[in-house]
PDB file of N, CA and C in Angstrom:
ATOM      1  N   UNK A   1       0.853  -1.285  -0.025  1.00  0.00           N
ATOM      2  CA  UNK A   1      -0.047   0.058   0.050  1.00  0.00           C
ATOM      3  C   UNK A   1       0.811   1.231   0.017  1.00  0.00           C
ATOM      4  N   UNK A   2       1.928   1.200   0.717  1.00  0.00           N
ATOM      5  CA  UNK A   2       2.934   2.369   0.669  1.00  0.00           C
ATOM      6  C   UNK A   2       3.427   2.585  -0.724  1.00  0.00           C
ATOM      7  N   UNK A   3       3.734   1.597  -1.375  1.00  0.00           N
ATOM      8  CA  UNK A   3       4.221   1.807  -2.692  1.00  0.00           C
ATOM      9  C   UNK A   3       3.155   2.498  -3.659  1.00  0.00           C
ATOM     10  N   UNK A   4       1.948   1.958  -3.496  1.00  0.00           N
ATOM     11  CA  UNK A   4       0.814   2.550  -4.249  1.00  0.00           C
ATOM     12  C   UNK A   4       0.674   4.040  -3.985  1.00  0.00           C
ATOM     13  N   UNK A   5       0.897   4.444  -2.733  1.00  0.00           N
ATOM     14  CA  UNK A   5       0.722   5.796  -2.287  1.00  0.00           C
ATOM     15  C   UNK A   5       1.746   6.720  -3.087  1.00  0.00           C
ATOM     16  N   UNK A   6       2.928   6.171  -3.112  1.00  0.00           N
ATOM     17  CA  UNK A   6       4.058   6.952  -3.842  1.00  0.00           C
ATOM     18  C   UNK A   6       3.652   7.168  -5.335  1.00  0.00           C
ATOM     19  N   UNK A   7       3.168   6.141  -5.997  1.00  0.00           N
ATOM     20  CA  UNK A   7       2.733   6.382  -7.359  1.00  0.00           C
ATOM     21  C   UNK A   7       1.675   7.411  -7.356  1.00  0.00           C
ATOM     22  N   UNK A   8       0.798   7.244  -6.512  1.00  0.00           N
ATOM     23  CA  UNK A   8      -0.376   8.205  -6.520  1.00  0.00           C
ATOM     24  C   UNK A   8      -0.060   9.700  -6.393  1.00  0.00           C
ATOM     25  N   UNK A   9       0.965   9.817  -5.474  1.00  0.00           N
ATOM     26  CA  UNK A   9       1.460  11.224  -5.198  1.00  0.00           C
ATOM     27  C   UNK A   9       2.298  11.674  -6.467  1.00  0.00           C
ATOM     28  N   UNK A  10       3.034  10.737  -7.125  1.00  0.00           N
ATOM     29  CA  UNK A  10       3.821  11.112  -8.208  1.00  0.00           C
ATOM     30  C   UNK A  10       3.048  11.517  -9.265  1.00  0.00           C
ATOM     31  N   UNK A  11       1.882  10.826  -9.583  1.00  0.00           N
ATOM     32  CA  UNK A  11       0.990  11.186 -10.612  1.00  0.00           C
ATOM     33  C   UNK A  11       0.422  12.502 -10.552  1.00  0.00           C
ATOM     34  N   UNK A  12      -0.011  12.838  -9.146  1.00  0.00           N
ATOM     35  CA  UNK A  12      -0.541  14.181  -8.994  1.00  0.00           C
ATOM     36  C   UNK A  12       0.597  15.243  -9.130  1.00  0.00           C
ATOM     37  N   UNK A  13       1.706  14.897  -8.803  1.00  0.00           N
ATOM     38  CA  UNK A  13       2.744  15.960  -9.035  1.00  0.00           C
ATOM     39  C   UNK A  13       3.000  16.151 -10.434  1.00  0.00           C
ATOM     40  N   UNK A  14       2.910  15.136 -11.240  1.00  0.00           N
ATOM     41  CA  UNK A  14       3.101  15.260 -12.672  1.00  0.00           C
ATOM     42  C   UNK A  14       1.998  15.939 -13.376  1.00  0.00           C
ATOM     43  N   UNK A  15       0.868  15.988 -12.730  1.00  0.00           N
ATOM     44  CA  UNK A  15      -0.285  16.711 -13.302  1.00  0.00           C
ATOM     45  C   UNK A  15      -1.032  15.864 -14.223  1.00  0.00           C
ATOM     46  N   UNK A  16      -1.147  14.495 -14.036  1.00  0.00           N
ATOM     47  CA  UNK A  16      -1.789  13.641 -14.941  1.00  0.00           C
ATOM     48  C   UNK A  16      -3.161  13.325 -14.396  1.00  0.00           C
ATOM     49  N   UNK A  17      -4.219  13.888 -14.722  1.00  0.00           N
ATOM     50  CA  UNK A  17      -5.554  13.563 -14.186  1.00  0.00           C
ATOM     51  C   UNK A  17      -5.924  12.173 -14.597  1.00  0.00           C
ATOM     52  N   UNK A  18      -5.721  11.655 -15.826  1.00  0.00           N
ATOM     53  CA  UNK A  18      -6.093  10.353 -16.159  1.00  0.00           C
ATOM     54  C   UNK A  18      -5.422   9.418 -15.331  1.00  0.00           C
ATOM     55  N   UNK A  19      -4.142   9.336 -15.278  1.00  0.00           N
ATOM     56  CA  UNK A  19      -3.393   8.406 -14.573  1.00  0.00           C
ATOM     57  C   UNK A  19      -3.773   8.571 -13.074  1.00  0.00           C
ATOM     58  N   UNK A  20      -4.051   9.697 -12.514  1.00  0.00           N
ATOM     59  CA  UNK A  20      -4.480   9.783 -11.156  1.00  0.00           C
ATOM     60  C   UNK A  20      -5.769   9.064 -10.870  1.00  0.00           C
ATOM     61  N   UNK A  21      -6.750   9.190 -11.722  1.00  0.00           N
ATOM     62  CA  UNK A  21      -7.927   8.632 -11.543  1.00  0.00           C
ATOM     63  C   UNK A  21      -7.820   7.116 -11.736  1.00  0.00           C
ATOM     64  N   UNK A  22      -7.018   6.725 -12.771  1.00  0.00           N
ATOM     65  CA  UNK A  22      -6.843   5.173 -12.968  1.00  0.00           C
ATOM     66  C   UNK A  22      -6.218   4.637 -11.712  1.00  0.00           C
ATOM     67  N   UNK A  23      -5.289   5.263 -11.147  1.00  0.00           N
ATOM     68  CA  UNK A  23      -4.526   4.680 -10.000  1.00  0.00           C
ATOM     69  C   UNK A  23      -5.558   4.439  -8.874  1.00  0.00           C
ATOM     70  N   UNK A  24      -6.380   5.460  -8.675  1.00  0.00           N
ATOM     71  CA  UNK A  24      -7.395   5.393  -7.574  1.00  0.00           C
ATOM     72  C   UNK A  24      -8.388   4.311  -7.762  1.00  0.00           C
ATOM     73  N   UNK A  25      -8.727   4.133  -9.083  1.00  0.00           N
ATOM     74  CA  UNK A  25      -9.823   3.102  -9.367  1.00  0.00           C
ATOM     75  C   UNK A  25      -9.201   1.744  -9.095  1.00  0.00           C
ATOM     76  N   UNK A  26      -7.993   1.494  -9.489  1.00  0.00           N
ATOM     77  CA  UNK A  26      -7.383   0.233  -9.412  1.00  0.00           C
ATOM     78  C   UNK A  26      -6.955   0.067  -7.894  1.00  0.00           C
TER      79      UNK A  26
END
């Protein structure tokens, strides 16, 4: 779960709305 959180934050930092939503759904 900690690893997933890192990716989640990274996506937001990058400014990728699609990836951000996809990561949350998965």
